[in-house]
Amino acid sequence: MSTATGTAPAKKAPNGGRRLRWPHYLLIASGLLVLLSLVRVIDDADPVTSSGTVSAALRLAVPIFLAGLGGLWSERSGVINIGLEGMMILGTWTGAWAGYQWGPWIGVLAGVIGGALGGLLHAIATVSFGVDHIVSGVAINILGLGLTQFLADLIFDQGEAKALGGGPRQSPPVDAISTLTLPVLSGGKIGGWQSPDWLGSLEDHHWFLVSDLAGILRGLTSDMSLLTFVALLLVPLTFLVLWRTPFGLRVRSCGEDPYAAESLGVQVYRMKYAAVIISGAFSGLAGAFLVTISSVYQDGQTNGRGFIGLAAMIFGNWRPGGLTAGSLLFGYTDAMNVRGGGQSVHALLLFVAILLVGVAVWQAVRANRLRPDAVTDLGRREVRNASLSSVLALVAAVALLVWFLMSDIVPGELVSFTPHLTTLLVLALASQRLRMPAANGVRYRRGEAR
């Protein structure tokens, strides 16, 4: 409804606060970019915003958010899916098996089908037979690992596959997928013509903010795999389907109240089956992506990315935008570990310390704003949680700042651990107001009284 002046009131978040819109997100992104640029200059850590780091972060984030999108589809329909890892593993093997024989795109399609079959198995167990969702997911993970090891030994270590470089723990090489580079902006060749690289030239000057923005844009516009581009398009597509179509409304209604959806004529079993199979397909695509960027299937290739995708989905509050932000966070910190080493991770300490100070201030303000209305046990609990989060964030910020000031570089043995610690800190302190689908994990039987 409109107000008396004819203007619509601003939407409120469930807790009464203002709901963030795109201008707010752009403002936050701009602030983070300025902070990153400042940290880079202070610590002389150029890889922090280099195009190589951004490109690596994107490659590392894509399989995580694809697995997370799979979890989002499943859990929005009310089916918990911790079998994402097993479905990814199925996608890696089927993608490599088809890819080395018929090309990478056929391999991608086969990976999607392999993951979808894992999703179908999970749907049969949980939706049709009412198996506990966690038990079924664990079984899928065990089955995916054991089955692919058996098939790799059976097929890749025999005959033509072995002659092409296969073995009991890896496939023959798979051709790489073509990449995209924007000419003039990011260089590259067009025929025999060497294109200028304007963004690369700006990045090499290491100017405050300007070079950082150029490095980020160049990382997003040079040597991007076509499959990465397709994967990025799946984020807005998922949002449009789940939140802007009748099919998506039916899927989400099954995750909120399947019995109410049933009373309105929704085929709950059908919707759950469709969502879980799509979930498996996304996970299989994530597995196939890993094969295409490494050009080979290897045992243990997923390395827990399915579980990380599940965590990113929870951090994103079961929404595509938040899921993408969580995936990029982990991908970025991991890329700094891979490309920047101890100096870049040292700069990350200062960056996170400043962020945590901001979180502490925000939580303190939030606690003061909630305190006058905290007349119920739930309200008082929210105030205590906000106050505790503020204190913990401030303590963590002081600890990281002391670490930064007392050292010049992060020791090598801690470099690989620090990005994970950074991610855990941010996820734990930022995920204060999560709301999972109301009927997520609930066993449903058609016609059964609630």
Protein backbone atom coordinates (compact mmCIF):
# COMPACT_ATOMS: atom_id res chain seq x y z
CA MET A 1 0.00 0.00 0.00
CA SER A 2 1.08 3.57 -0.51
CA THR A 3 1.20 6.23 2.10
CA ALA A 4 -0.90 9.38 2.10
CA THR A 5 1.75 11.14 0.04
CA GLY A 6 1.60 8.44 -2.62
CA THR A 7 5.01 6.90 -1.93
CA ALA A 8 5.52 3.29 -0.95
CA PRO A 9 7.06 2.71 2.48
CA ALA A 10 10.48 1.11 2.61
CA LYS A 11 10.42 -2.61 3.19
CA LYS A 12 11.38 -3.84 6.60
CA ALA A 13 13.46 -6.86 7.47
CA PRO A 14 11.85 -9.53 9.67
CA ASN A 15 13.53 -8.09 12.76
CA GLY A 16 12.22 -4.62 12.05
CA GLY A 17 15.39 -3.21 10.49
CA ARG A 18 15.69 -1.80 7.00
CA ARG A 19 16.04 -4.38 4.25
CA LEU A 20 19.13 -3.80 2.12
CA ARG A 21 18.64 -3.01 -1.56
CA TRP A 22 21.01 -2.90 -4.53
CA PRO A 23 22.30 0.65 -3.81
CA HIS A 24 23.26 -0.51 -0.32
CA TYR A 25 25.12 -3.54 -1.67
CA LEU A 26 26.96 -1.37 -4.21
CA LEU A 27 27.94 1.01 -1.43
CA ILE A 28 29.23 -1.88 0.70
CA ALA A 29 31.20 -3.30 -2.27
CA SER A 30 32.74 0.14 -2.91
CA GLY A 31 33.76 0.42 0.74
CA LEU A 32 35.38 -3.03 0.68
CA LEU A 33 37.30 -2.11 -2.47
CA VAL A 34 38.62 1.09 -0.87
CA LEU A 35 39.63 -0.88 2.23
CA LEU A 36 41.41 -3.53 0.14
CA SER A 37 43.28 -0.83 -1.76
CA LEU A 38 44.31 0.84 1.50
CA VAL A 39 45.56 -2.45 2.94
CA ARG A 40 47.51 -3.17 -0.25
CA VAL A 41 49.28 0.19 -0.09
CA ILE A 42 50.02 -0.06 3.66
CA ASP A 43 51.51 -3.55 3.46
CA ASP A 44 52.89 -3.31 -0.10
CA ALA A 45 51.01 -6.50 -1.02
CA ASP A 46 50.21 -6.09 -4.71
CA PRO A 47 48.70 -9.59 -5.16
CA VAL A 48 45.77 -8.58 -2.91
CA THR A 49 43.88 -7.07 -5.87
CA SER A 50 45.91 -8.37 -8.81
CA SER A 51 44.14 -9.78 -11.86
CA GLY A 52 45.82 -13.13 -11.28
CA THR A 53 44.39 -13.37 -7.75
CA VAL A 54 40.91 -12.36 -8.93
CA SER A 55 40.98 -14.87 -11.78
CA ALA A 56 42.16 -17.65 -9.45
CA ALA A 57 39.52 -16.69 -6.87
CA LEU A 58 36.79 -17.02 -9.49
CA ARG A 59 38.01 -20.46 -10.57
CA LEU A 60 38.18 -21.63 -6.96
CA ALA A 61 34.76 -20.19 -6.08
CA VAL A 62 32.76 -21.59 -9.03
CA PRO A 63 32.63 -25.26 -7.93
CA ILE A 64 31.76 -24.15 -4.38
CA PHE A 65 28.81 -21.99 -5.38
CA LEU A 66 27.59 -24.57 -7.93
CA ALA A 67 27.47 -27.15 -5.13
CA GLY A 68 25.84 -24.51 -2.91
CA LEU A 69 23.20 -23.83 -5.57
CA GLY A 70 22.50 -27.55 -5.57
CA GLY A 71 21.98 -27.47 -1.82
CA LEU A 72 19.76 -24.39 -2.20
CA TRP A 73 17.39 -26.13 -4.63
CA SER A 74 17.10 -29.20 -2.44
CA GLU A 75 16.64 -27.44 0.87
CA ARG A 76 14.16 -24.92 -0.53
CA SER A 77 11.98 -27.95 -1.27
CA GLY A 78 12.42 -29.24 2.30
CA VAL A 79 15.05 -31.93 1.67
CA ILE A 80 18.38 -31.58 3.48
CA ASN A 81 21.19 -32.56 1.12
CA ILE A 82 24.56 -33.22 2.73
CA GLY A 83 25.27 -35.64 -0.11
CA LEU A 84 26.50 -32.78 -2.32
CA GLU A 85 30.08 -34.02 -1.99
CA GLY A 86 29.17 -37.50 -3.24
CA MET A 87 27.20 -36.06 -6.16
CA MET A 88 30.19 -33.86 -7.05
CA ILE A 89 32.41 -36.94 -7.02
CA LEU A 90 30.03 -38.72 -9.38
CA GLY A 91 30.17 -35.65 -11.64
CA THR A 92 33.97 -35.67 -11.74
CA TRP A 93 34.16 -39.31 -12.81
CA THR A 94 31.36 -39.27 -15.38
CA GLY A 95 32.62 -35.94 -16.74
CA ALA A 96 36.14 -37.29 -17.21
CA TRP A 97 34.94 -40.61 -18.65
CA ALA A 98 32.90 -38.88 -21.37
CA GLY A 99 35.23 -35.91 -21.73
CA TYR A 100 38.39 -37.73 -22.80
CA GLN A 101 36.42 -39.69 -25.43
CA TRP A 102 34.01 -37.14 -26.91
CA GLY A 103 35.25 -33.72 -25.84
CA PRO A 104 34.90 -31.43 -22.80
CA TRP A 105 31.34 -30.24 -23.43
CA ILE A 106 30.03 -33.79 -23.69
CA GLY A 107 31.96 -34.43 -20.49
CA VAL A 108 30.17 -31.52 -18.81
CA LEU A 109 26.81 -32.93 -19.88
CA ALA A 110 27.79 -36.38 -18.59
CA GLY A 111 28.89 -34.83 -15.29
CA VAL A 112 25.49 -33.16 -14.93
CA ILE A 113 23.76 -36.48 -15.59
CA GLY A 114 26.02 -38.31 -13.12
CA GLY A 115 25.22 -35.80 -10.38
CA ALA A 116 21.51 -35.90 -11.24
CA LEU A 117 21.52 -39.69 -10.80
CA GLY A 118 22.95 -39.17 -7.33
CA GLY A 119 20.17 -36.66 -6.65
CA LEU A 120 17.57 -39.13 -7.90
CA LEU A 121 18.88 -41.75 -5.49
CA HIS A 122 18.70 -39.27 -2.62
CA ALA A 123 15.13 -38.33 -3.60
CA ILE A 124 14.03 -41.97 -3.73
CA ALA A 125 15.45 -42.58 -0.26
CA THR A 126 14.18 -39.43 1.44
CA VAL A 127 10.97 -38.56 -0.40
CA SER A 128 9.58 -41.98 -1.29
CA PHE A 129 10.89 -44.14 1.54
CA GLY A 130 11.17 -41.51 4.27
CA VAL A 131 14.82 -42.25 5.12
CA ASP A 132 16.41 -39.71 7.43
CA HIS A 133 17.92 -37.00 5.21
CA ILE A 134 21.27 -36.95 7.00
CA VAL A 135 21.64 -40.74 6.83
CA SER A 136 20.82 -40.75 3.13
CA GLY A 137 23.28 -37.91 2.43
CA VAL A 138 26.10 -39.69 4.26
CA ALA A 139 25.33 -42.84 2.30
CA ILE A 140 25.49 -40.91 -0.99
CA ASN A 141 28.91 -39.53 -0.03
CA ILE A 142 30.25 -42.98 0.80
CA LEU A 143 28.71 -44.51 -2.32
CA GLY A 144 30.06 -41.79 -4.60
CA LEU A 145 33.60 -42.17 -3.28
CA GLY A 146 33.65 -45.96 -3.37
CA LEU A 147 31.90 -46.32 -6.73
CA THR A 148 34.17 -43.86 -8.57
CA GLN A 149 37.31 -45.49 -7.15
CA PHE A 150 36.06 -48.87 -8.34
CA LEU A 151 35.12 -47.57 -11.80
CA ALA A 152 38.39 -45.66 -12.20
CA ASP A 153 40.36 -48.83 -11.47
CA LEU A 154 38.11 -50.84 -13.78
CA ILE A 155 38.04 -48.47 -16.78
CA PHE A 156 40.87 -45.92 -16.62
CA ASP A 157 43.54 -48.52 -15.82
CA GLN A 158 42.68 -50.74 -18.77
CA GLY A 159 43.17 -50.78 -22.55
CA GLU A 160 43.01 -47.54 -24.52
CA ALA A 161 42.38 -45.37 -21.47
CA LYS A 162 45.58 -46.61 -19.83
CA ALA A 163 47.53 -46.06 -23.05
CA LEU A 164 46.33 -42.43 -23.10
CA GLY A 165 47.61 -41.78 -19.56
CA GLY A 166 44.86 -43.17 -17.35
CA GLY A 167 45.44 -45.13 -14.16
CA PRO A 168 43.69 -46.53 -11.09
CA ARG A 169 43.37 -43.07 -9.55
CA GLN A 170 43.16 -40.76 -12.58
CA SER A 171 41.66 -40.45 -16.06
CA PRO A 172 43.32 -39.75 -19.40
CA PRO A 173 43.70 -36.01 -20.14
CA VAL A 174 40.54 -34.06 -21.02
CA ASP A 175 40.74 -31.16 -23.49
CA ALA A 176 40.36 -27.70 -21.99
CA ILE A 177 37.33 -25.53 -22.69
CA SER A 178 37.87 -22.33 -24.67
CA THR A 179 38.39 -19.06 -22.80
CA LEU A 180 37.13 -15.51 -23.31
CA THR A 181 39.22 -12.32 -23.22
CA LEU A 182 37.87 -8.84 -23.94
CA PRO A 183 40.10 -7.23 -26.59
CA VAL A 184 41.55 -3.76 -26.00
CA LEU A 185 40.55 -3.83 -22.30
CA SER A 186 42.34 -7.07 -21.32
CA GLY A 187 44.62 -7.86 -24.25
CA GLY A 188 44.61 -11.15 -26.12
CA LYS A 189 45.04 -11.92 -29.81
CA ILE A 190 42.51 -11.66 -32.64
CA GLY A 191 43.94 -13.56 -35.56
CA GLY A 192 47.45 -12.18 -35.91
CA TRP A 193 46.65 -8.88 -34.20
CA GLN A 194 47.89 -8.35 -30.64
CA SER A 195 45.23 -6.35 -28.82
CA PRO A 196 46.15 -3.54 -26.39
CA ASP A 197 45.76 -4.27 -22.67
CA TRP A 198 44.47 -1.05 -21.12
CA LEU A 199 43.41 -2.58 -17.82
CA GLY A 200 46.74 -4.41 -17.50
CA SER A 201 48.62 -1.15 -18.07
CA LEU A 202 46.61 0.59 -15.33
CA GLU A 203 47.13 -2.33 -12.97
CA ASP A 204 50.92 -2.23 -13.43
CA HIS A 205 51.09 1.37 -12.15
CA HIS A 206 49.89 0.24 -8.68
CA TRP A 207 47.94 3.44 -8.12
CA PHE A 208 45.62 3.69 -5.15
CA LEU A 209 42.12 2.43 -5.98
CA VAL A 210 42.46 2.95 -9.77
CA SER A 211 44.94 0.09 -10.23
CA ASP A 212 42.97 -2.09 -7.82
CA LEU A 213 39.76 -1.62 -9.80
CA ALA A 214 41.63 -2.26 -13.04
CA GLY A 215 43.13 -5.48 -11.62
CA ILE A 216 39.72 -6.75 -10.51
CA LEU A 217 38.09 -5.96 -13.86
CA ARG A 218 40.97 -7.53 -15.77
CA GLY A 219 40.72 -10.68 -13.66
CA LEU A 220 37.04 -10.94 -14.62
CA THR A 221 37.56 -10.24 -18.33
CA SER A 222 40.70 -12.16 -19.29
CA ASP A 223 41.03 -15.88 -19.94
CA MET A 224 37.62 -16.68 -18.48
CA SER A 225 36.47 -20.18 -19.31
CA LEU A 226 33.20 -20.38 -21.21
CA LEU A 227 32.00 -22.84 -18.57
CA THR A 228 32.73 -20.24 -15.87
CA PHE A 229 30.58 -17.76 -17.78
CA VAL A 230 27.76 -20.31 -18.02
CA ALA A 231 28.08 -21.10 -14.31
CA LEU A 232 27.82 -17.42 -13.36
CA LEU A 233 24.60 -17.10 -15.37
CA LEU A 234 23.05 -19.86 -13.24
CA VAL A 235 22.95 -17.53 -10.21
CA PRO A 236 20.40 -15.03 -11.64
CA LEU A 237 18.64 -17.90 -13.42
CA THR A 238 18.14 -19.73 -10.11
CA PHE A 239 16.77 -16.57 -8.52
CA LEU A 240 14.36 -15.95 -11.38
CA VAL A 241 13.07 -19.53 -11.43
CA LEU A 242 12.69 -19.95 -7.67
CA TRP A 243 11.34 -16.47 -6.84
CA ARG A 244 9.65 -15.32 -10.04
CA THR A 245 7.88 -18.38 -11.51
CA PRO A 246 4.92 -20.54 -10.42
CA PHE A 247 7.19 -23.60 -10.45
CA GLY A 248 9.62 -21.94 -8.04
CA LEU A 249 6.76 -20.86 -5.78
CA ARG A 250 5.55 -24.47 -5.60
CA VAL A 251 9.04 -25.73 -4.78
CA ARG A 252 9.49 -23.18 -1.99
CA SER A 253 6.02 -23.85 -0.60
CA CYS A 254 7.00 -27.51 -0.17
CA GLY A 255 9.93 -26.39 1.95
CA GLU A 256 7.84 -24.07 4.10
CA ASP A 257 4.64 -26.12 4.63
CA PRO A 258 4.13 -29.19 2.41
CA TYR A 259 0.71 -29.97 3.89
CA ALA A 260 -0.60 -26.48 3.13
CA ALA A 261 0.89 -26.79 -0.38
CA GLU A 262 -0.84 -30.17 -0.76
CA SER A 263 -4.19 -28.65 0.25
CA LEU A 264 -3.79 -26.12 -2.58
CA GLY A 265 -3.22 -28.83 -5.17
CA VAL A 266 0.59 -28.82 -5.33
CA GLN A 267 2.10 -32.21 -6.21
CA VAL A 268 4.54 -32.20 -3.30
CA TYR A 269 6.30 -35.46 -4.17
CA ARG A 270 6.82 -34.30 -7.74
CA MET A 271 8.19 -30.92 -6.66
CA LYS A 272 10.59 -32.48 -4.16
CA TYR A 273 11.82 -35.01 -6.73
CA ALA A 274 12.40 -32.25 -9.30
CA ALA A 275 14.27 -30.03 -6.83
CA VAL A 276 16.55 -32.80 -5.50
CA ILE A 277 17.38 -34.03 -9.01
CA ILE A 278 18.22 -30.44 -10.04
CA SER A 279 20.32 -30.24 -6.88
CA GLY A 280 22.28 -33.28 -7.97
CA ALA A 281 22.69 -31.86 -11.49
CA PHE A 282 24.23 -28.66 -10.11
CA SER A 283 26.60 -30.70 -7.95
CA GLY A 284 27.55 -32.87 -10.94
CA LEU A 285 28.25 -29.70 -12.93
CA ALA A 286 30.54 -28.55 -10.11
CA GLY A 287 32.43 -31.84 -10.35
CA ALA A 288 32.70 -31.58 -14.14
CA PHE A 289 34.01 -28.03 -13.75
CA LEU A 290 36.87 -29.33 -11.59
CA VAL A 291 37.77 -31.78 -14.35
CA THR A 292 37.78 -29.09 -17.05
CA ILE A 293 40.05 -26.68 -15.16
CA SER A 294 42.55 -29.40 -14.24
CA SER A 295 42.10 -31.33 -17.53
CA VAL A 296 42.00 -34.65 -15.67
CA TYR A 297 39.99 -36.62 -13.13
CA GLN A 298 41.89 -37.53 -9.95
CA ASP A 299 40.86 -39.43 -6.86
CA GLY A 300 39.96 -36.99 -4.05
CA GLN A 301 39.59 -34.11 -6.50
CA THR A 302 36.60 -32.49 -4.80
CA ASN A 303 38.54 -32.11 -1.52
CA GLY A 304 35.47 -31.31 0.58
CA ARG A 305 34.11 -28.57 -1.69
CA GLY A 306 30.62 -30.03 -1.44
CA PHE A 307 30.61 -29.44 2.32
CA ILE A 308 32.05 -25.95 1.84
CA GLY A 309 29.27 -25.23 -0.66
CA LEU A 310 26.73 -26.34 1.93
CA ALA A 311 28.29 -23.97 4.48
CA ALA A 312 28.27 -21.12 1.92
CA MET A 313 24.57 -21.76 1.28
CA ILE A 314 23.79 -21.51 5.01
CA PHE A 315 25.90 -18.34 5.28
CA GLY A 316 23.92 -16.92 2.35
CA ASN A 317 20.65 -17.52 4.25
CA TRP A 318 19.37 -19.95 1.61
CA ARG A 319 19.43 -17.27 -1.11
CA PRO A 320 21.52 -17.17 -4.33
CA GLY A 321 23.10 -13.74 -3.72
CA GLY A 322 24.35 -14.51 -0.23
CA LEU A 323 25.53 -17.93 -1.36
CA THR A 324 27.59 -16.34 -4.13
CA ALA A 325 29.14 -13.87 -1.68
CA GLY A 326 30.12 -16.69 0.71
CA SER A 327 31.62 -18.74 -2.14
CA LEU A 328 33.63 -15.78 -3.43
CA LEU A 329 34.90 -15.12 0.09
CA PHE A 330 36.35 -18.59 0.40
CA GLY A 331 37.62 -18.58 -3.19
CA TYR A 332 39.36 -15.23 -2.67
CA THR A 333 41.09 -16.17 0.57
CA ASP A 334 42.18 -19.48 -0.95
CA ALA A 335 43.50 -17.69 -4.04
CA MET A 336 45.56 -15.32 -1.89
CA ASN A 337 47.02 -18.36 -0.18
CA VAL A 338 47.91 -19.95 -3.54
CA ARG A 339 49.20 -16.88 -5.39
CA GLY A 340 50.22 -14.31 -2.77
CA GLY A 341 51.87 -16.38 -0.07
CA GLY A 342 52.76 -15.06 3.35
CA GLN A 343 52.90 -11.35 2.42
CA SER A 344 49.37 -11.25 1.01
CA VAL A 345 47.95 -13.28 3.88
CA HIS A 346 49.68 -10.84 6.25
CA ALA A 347 47.80 -7.98 4.58
CA LEU A 348 44.60 -9.99 4.93
CA LEU A 349 45.06 -9.91 8.73
CA LEU A 350 44.74 -6.12 8.75
CA PHE A 351 41.78 -6.22 6.34
CA VAL A 352 39.83 -8.67 8.49
CA ALA A 353 40.75 -6.82 11.70
CA ILE A 354 39.20 -3.62 10.34
CA LEU A 355 36.12 -5.53 9.16
CA LEU A 356 35.70 -7.08 12.59
CA VAL A 357 35.84 -3.66 14.23
CA GLY A 358 33.02 -2.63 11.91
CA VAL A 359 31.06 -5.77 12.83
CA ALA A 360 31.59 -5.04 16.55
CA VAL A 361 30.28 -1.50 16.17
CA TRP A 362 27.29 -2.65 14.10
CA GLN A 363 26.34 -5.35 16.61
CA ALA A 364 26.66 -2.91 19.51
CA VAL A 365 24.38 -0.41 17.76
CA ARG A 366 21.95 -3.22 16.95
CA ALA A 367 21.88 -4.35 20.59
CA ASN A 368 21.11 -0.80 21.75
CA ARG A 369 18.36 -0.48 19.14
CA LEU A 370 16.74 -3.77 20.16
CA ARG A 371 17.05 -3.22 23.95
CA PRO A 372 14.01 -0.90 24.45
CA ASP A 373 11.71 -3.45 22.77
CA ALA A 374 13.21 -6.54 24.45
CA VAL A 375 10.26 -7.35 26.70
CA THR A 376 10.07 -11.05 25.84
CA ASP A 377 12.54 -13.85 26.42
CA LEU A 378 13.20 -13.99 22.67
CA GLY A 379 13.87 -10.26 22.51
CA ARG A 380 16.24 -10.35 25.48
CA ARG A 381 18.03 -13.31 23.90
CA GLU A 382 18.56 -11.32 20.69
CA VAL A 383 20.03 -8.44 22.68
CA ARG A 384 22.40 -10.79 24.52
CA ASN A 385 23.45 -12.45 21.26
CA ALA A 386 24.15 -9.09 19.60
CA SER A 387 26.14 -7.87 22.61
CA LEU A 388 28.14 -11.10 22.78
CA SER A 389 28.86 -10.96 19.04
CA SER A 390 30.09 -7.39 19.44
CA VAL A 391 32.50 -8.38 22.20
CA LEU A 392 33.78 -11.45 20.36
CA ALA A 393 34.30 -9.48 17.14
CA LEU A 394 36.26 -6.82 19.01
CA VAL A 395 38.44 -9.40 20.77
CA ALA A 396 39.17 -11.16 17.46
CA ALA A 397 39.96 -7.81 15.80
CA VAL A 398 42.45 -6.88 18.54
CA ALA A 399 44.12 -10.30 18.29
CA LEU A 400 44.51 -10.03 14.50
CA LEU A 401 45.77 -6.44 14.75
CA VAL A 402 48.41 -7.46 17.31
CA TRP A 403 49.44 -10.34 15.04
CA PHE A 404 49.73 -7.92 12.11
CA LEU A 405 51.81 -5.36 14.04
CA MET A 406 54.14 -7.93 15.62
CA SER A 407 55.06 -9.66 12.35
CA ASP A 408 56.19 -8.80 8.83
CA ILE A 409 54.98 -11.97 7.13
CA VAL A 410 52.83 -14.96 8.01
CA PRO A 411 55.01 -18.09 8.46
CA GLY A 412 54.71 -20.64 5.69
CA GLU A 413 53.22 -23.34 7.92
CA LEU A 414 50.32 -21.00 8.80
CA VAL A 415 49.68 -19.61 5.32
CA SER A 416 47.46 -22.49 4.21
CA PHE A 417 45.48 -22.35 7.48
CA THR A 418 44.91 -18.58 7.70
CA PRO A 419 42.44 -18.25 4.78
CA HIS A 420 40.24 -20.93 6.34
CA LEU A 421 40.43 -19.20 9.72
CA THR A 422 39.52 -15.89 8.09
CA THR A 423 36.53 -17.43 6.38
CA LEU A 424 35.32 -19.09 9.58
CA LEU A 425 35.58 -15.81 11.51
CA VAL A 426 33.61 -13.84 8.95
CA LEU A 427 30.98 -16.54 8.48
CA ALA A 428 30.49 -17.01 12.22
CA LEU A 429 30.12 -13.30 12.97
CA ALA A 430 28.11 -12.31 9.90
CA SER A 431 25.54 -15.09 10.07
CA GLN A 432 23.41 -13.71 12.88
CA ARG A 433 19.92 -13.75 11.38
CA LEU A 434 19.58 -16.98 9.46
CA ARG A 435 16.23 -18.49 8.65
CA MET A 436 16.08 -21.94 7.08
CA PRO A 437 12.92 -23.17 5.30
CA ALA A 438 10.41 -24.05 8.01
CA ALA A 439 9.85 -27.67 6.88
CA ASN A 440 13.47 -28.38 5.94
CA GLY A 441 14.29 -31.97 6.90
CA VAL A 442 10.71 -32.79 7.92
CA ARG A 443 9.42 -36.21 6.82
CA TYR A 444 6.35 -35.73 4.60
CA ARG A 445 3.60 -38.26 3.82
CA ARG A 446 0.72 -37.40 1.50
CA GLY A 447 -2.58 -37.01 3.32
CA GLU A 448 -1.00 -37.49 6.72
CA ALA A 449 -2.24 -35.22 9.50
CA ARG A 450 0.29 -32.76 10.90
